[in-house]
Amino acid sequence: MADAQDDISAHLATYNAFNKLVLFGILFVILLLACMALGLVGGMGVFALLVGIAGSVVLLVAAAIME
């Protein structure tokens, strides 16, 4: 019976890690689309590049420190 409890906690940890990965992917795609819209449609290429780089760094740091 103790193995079942260990399996549940392992599955819960895997589920939370997968949710974190999916959230990171969704937020990165949104950031990418926003930067493409700024650069291509908005005509602010340098600003879009800066926002893309800064946003990517912020997402990576947030994913690293998030529990």
Protein backbone atom coordinates (compact mmCIF):
# COMPACT_ATOMS: atom_id res chain seq x y z
CA MET A 1 0.00 0.00 0.00
CA ALA A 2 2.93 2.33 0.63
CA ASP A 3 3.98 1.95 -3.01
CA ALA A 4 0.63 3.31 -4.14
CA GLN A 5 1.16 6.47 -2.08
CA ASP A 6 4.62 6.92 -3.57
CA ASP A 7 3.19 6.48 -7.06
CA ILE A 8 0.54 9.14 -6.44
CA SER A 9 3.10 11.71 -5.30
CA ALA A 10 5.36 10.87 -8.27
CA HIS A 11 2.44 11.25 -10.69
CA LEU A 12 1.42 14.53 -9.07
CA ALA A 13 4.97 15.88 -9.42
CA THR A 14 5.05 14.83 -13.08
CA TYR A 15 1.65 16.41 -13.70
CA ASN A 16 2.76 19.71 -12.14
CA ALA A 17 5.98 19.73 -14.16
CA PHE A 18 4.04 19.08 -17.36
CA ASN A 19 1.61 21.90 -16.56
CA LYS A 20 4.56 24.24 -16.02
CA LEU A 21 6.04 23.23 -19.37
CA VAL A 22 2.74 23.76 -21.20
CA LEU A 23 2.25 27.16 -19.57
CA PHE A 24 5.77 28.19 -20.59
CA GLY A 25 5.10 27.08 -24.17
CA ILE A 26 1.81 28.96 -24.42
CA LEU A 27 3.29 32.15 -22.97
CA PHE A 28 6.30 31.93 -25.28
CA VAL A 29 4.09 31.54 -28.37
CA ILE A 30 2.01 34.55 -27.27
CA LEU A 31 5.20 36.58 -26.78
CA LEU A 32 6.48 35.52 -30.18
CA LEU A 33 3.24 36.45 -31.93
CA ALA A 34 3.11 39.82 -30.17
CA CYS A 35 6.69 40.60 -31.20
CA MET A 36 6.00 39.55 -34.78
CA ALA A 37 2.94 41.82 -34.85
CA LEU A 38 4.93 44.73 -33.47
CA GLY A 39 7.80 44.22 -35.89
CA LEU A 40 5.94 43.40 -39.07
CA VAL A 41 2.59 45.17 -38.82
CA GLY A 42 3.45 47.90 -36.33
CA GLY A 43 6.72 48.86 -37.97
CA MET A 44 8.64 48.90 -34.70
CA GLY A 45 11.26 46.28 -35.42
CA VAL A 46 13.91 47.33 -32.89
CA PHE A 47 11.34 47.65 -30.10
CA ALA A 48 9.90 44.24 -30.97
CA LEU A 49 13.37 42.72 -30.83
CA LEU A 50 14.04 44.23 -27.41
CA VAL A 51 10.66 43.11 -26.08
CA GLY A 52 11.25 39.62 -27.45
CA ILE A 53 14.66 39.27 -25.84
CA ALA A 54 13.56 40.75 -22.50
CA GLY A 55 10.36 38.69 -22.50
CA SER A 56 12.25 35.49 -23.21
CA VAL A 57 14.64 36.17 -20.34
CA VAL A 58 11.74 36.93 -17.99
CA LEU A 59 9.95 33.72 -19.01
CA LEU A 60 13.07 31.64 -18.46
CA VAL A 61 13.73 33.18 -15.04
CA ALA A 62 10.09 32.77 -14.02
CA ALA A 63 10.10 29.13 -15.11
CA ALA A 64 13.32 28.51 -13.17
CA ILE A 65 12.12 29.98 -9.89
CA MET A 66 8.50 28.83 -10.05
CA GLU A 67 7.81 25.86 -7.78
